[in-house]
Amino acid sequence: MSESADSQRCQICQVVIESSPGLPDTVQFSNGPKGSRSKLWSRVCQYVTDPDRQRICINQDSEGRGTEQAGDAFPDAPPIDLGKT
């Protein structure tokens, strides 16, 4: 994917966030369809705990990413019946 003047690439995870006036930002993940900043936060950015890396992460601003939406986080794995012995 090429980067435009209205895009940013994260130095940590290498995703590209594209900005368009009047539209929500879109995130191009390395695999799969585009998503939102809140999806990126739910799946990646919230796990950046090192303060030095948090300063580099381009998705740490809660106002910029908004609230988590349905489908942002990975779904929980279904329960597995291991049989009780």
Protein backbone atom coordinates (compact mmCIF):
# COMPACT_ATOMS: atom_id res chain seq x y z
CA MET A 1 0.00 0.00 0.00
CA SER A 2 1.34 3.44 -0.81
CA GLU A 3 1.19 6.24 1.71
CA SER A 4 -0.40 9.57 0.80
CA ALA A 5 0.13 12.98 2.36
CA ASP A 6 -2.92 12.28 4.55
CA SER A 7 -1.63 9.01 5.99
CA GLN A 8 0.60 7.94 8.85
CA ARG A 9 2.56 4.72 9.32
CA CYS A 10 3.09 3.47 12.86
CA GLN A 11 6.74 2.77 13.60
CA ILE A 12 5.77 -0.03 15.99
CA CYS A 13 3.17 -2.15 14.17
CA GLN A 14 3.57 -0.74 10.63
CA VAL A 15 -0.16 -0.20 10.00
CA VAL A 16 -1.15 2.77 7.85
CA ILE A 17 -3.85 5.14 9.08
CA GLU A 18 -5.48 7.18 6.31
CA SER A 19 -7.27 10.45 7.02
CA SER A 20 -9.93 11.95 4.75
CA PRO A 21 -11.64 15.27 5.54
CA GLY A 22 -15.14 14.72 6.88
CA LEU A 23 -14.73 10.93 7.16
CA PRO A 24 -13.51 8.67 9.96
CA ASP A 25 -9.88 7.58 9.72
CA THR A 26 -9.32 4.14 8.21
CA VAL A 27 -6.65 1.64 9.20
CA GLN A 28 -5.03 -0.70 6.69
CA PHE A 29 -4.05 -3.81 8.61
CA SER A 30 -1.32 -6.11 7.31
CA ASN A 31 -3.96 -8.75 6.65
CA GLY A 32 -7.69 -8.46 6.01
CA PRO A 33 -10.02 -5.57 5.34
CA LYS A 34 -9.59 -1.98 6.46
CA GLY A 35 -10.82 -1.07 9.91
CA SER A 36 -11.10 1.76 12.39
CA ARG A 37 -8.77 3.28 14.96
CA SER A 38 -10.91 1.70 17.70
CA LYS A 39 -10.42 -1.74 16.11
CA LEU A 40 -6.66 -1.15 15.97
CA TRP A 41 -6.73 -0.18 19.65
CA SER A 42 -8.77 -3.25 20.63
CA ARG A 43 -6.52 -5.65 18.76
CA VAL A 44 -3.05 -4.09 19.04
CA CYS A 45 -2.41 -0.74 20.71
CA GLN A 46 -3.85 -1.46 24.15
CA TYR A 47 -1.14 -4.09 24.61
CA VAL A 48 1.67 -1.55 24.19
CA THR A 49 2.66 -1.13 27.84
CA ASP A 50 6.24 0.15 27.60
CA PRO A 51 6.15 3.97 28.09
CA ASP A 52 8.80 4.55 25.39
CA ARG A 53 6.80 2.54 22.86
CA GLN A 54 3.55 4.23 23.92
CA ARG A 55 5.07 7.60 22.98
CA ILE A 56 5.81 6.23 19.49
CA CYS A 57 2.39 4.55 18.97
CA ILE A 58 0.21 6.79 16.77
CA ASN A 59 -3.07 5.47 18.23
CA GLN A 60 -2.80 6.24 21.95
CA ASP A 61 -5.16 9.27 21.89
CA SER A 62 -8.56 8.11 23.16
CA GLU A 63 -10.35 11.04 21.51
CA GLY A 64 -8.85 10.19 18.11
CA ARG A 65 -9.84 6.53 18.19
CA GLY A 66 -13.25 6.85 19.85
CA THR A 67 -14.99 4.13 21.83
CA GLU A 68 -14.73 0.44 21.10
CA GLN A 69 -17.41 -0.76 18.71
CA ALA A 70 -19.04 -4.17 18.37
CA GLY A 71 -16.70 -6.39 16.37
CA ASP A 72 -13.54 -4.44 17.19
CA ALA A 73 -12.08 -7.03 19.54
CA PHE A 74 -11.34 -10.57 18.52
CA PRO A 75 -14.27 -12.80 19.50
CA ASP A 76 -13.81 -15.10 22.47
CA ALA A 77 -12.98 -18.67 21.55
CA PRO A 78 -15.90 -21.06 21.96
CA PRO A 79 -15.78 -23.32 25.01
CA ILE A 80 -14.19 -26.71 24.50
CA ASP A 81 -15.56 -29.75 26.27
CA LEU A 82 -12.51 -31.61 27.51
CA GLY A 83 -14.60 -34.12 29.40
CA LYS A 84 -14.40 -34.07 33.16
CA THR A 85 -12.63 -37.01 34.72
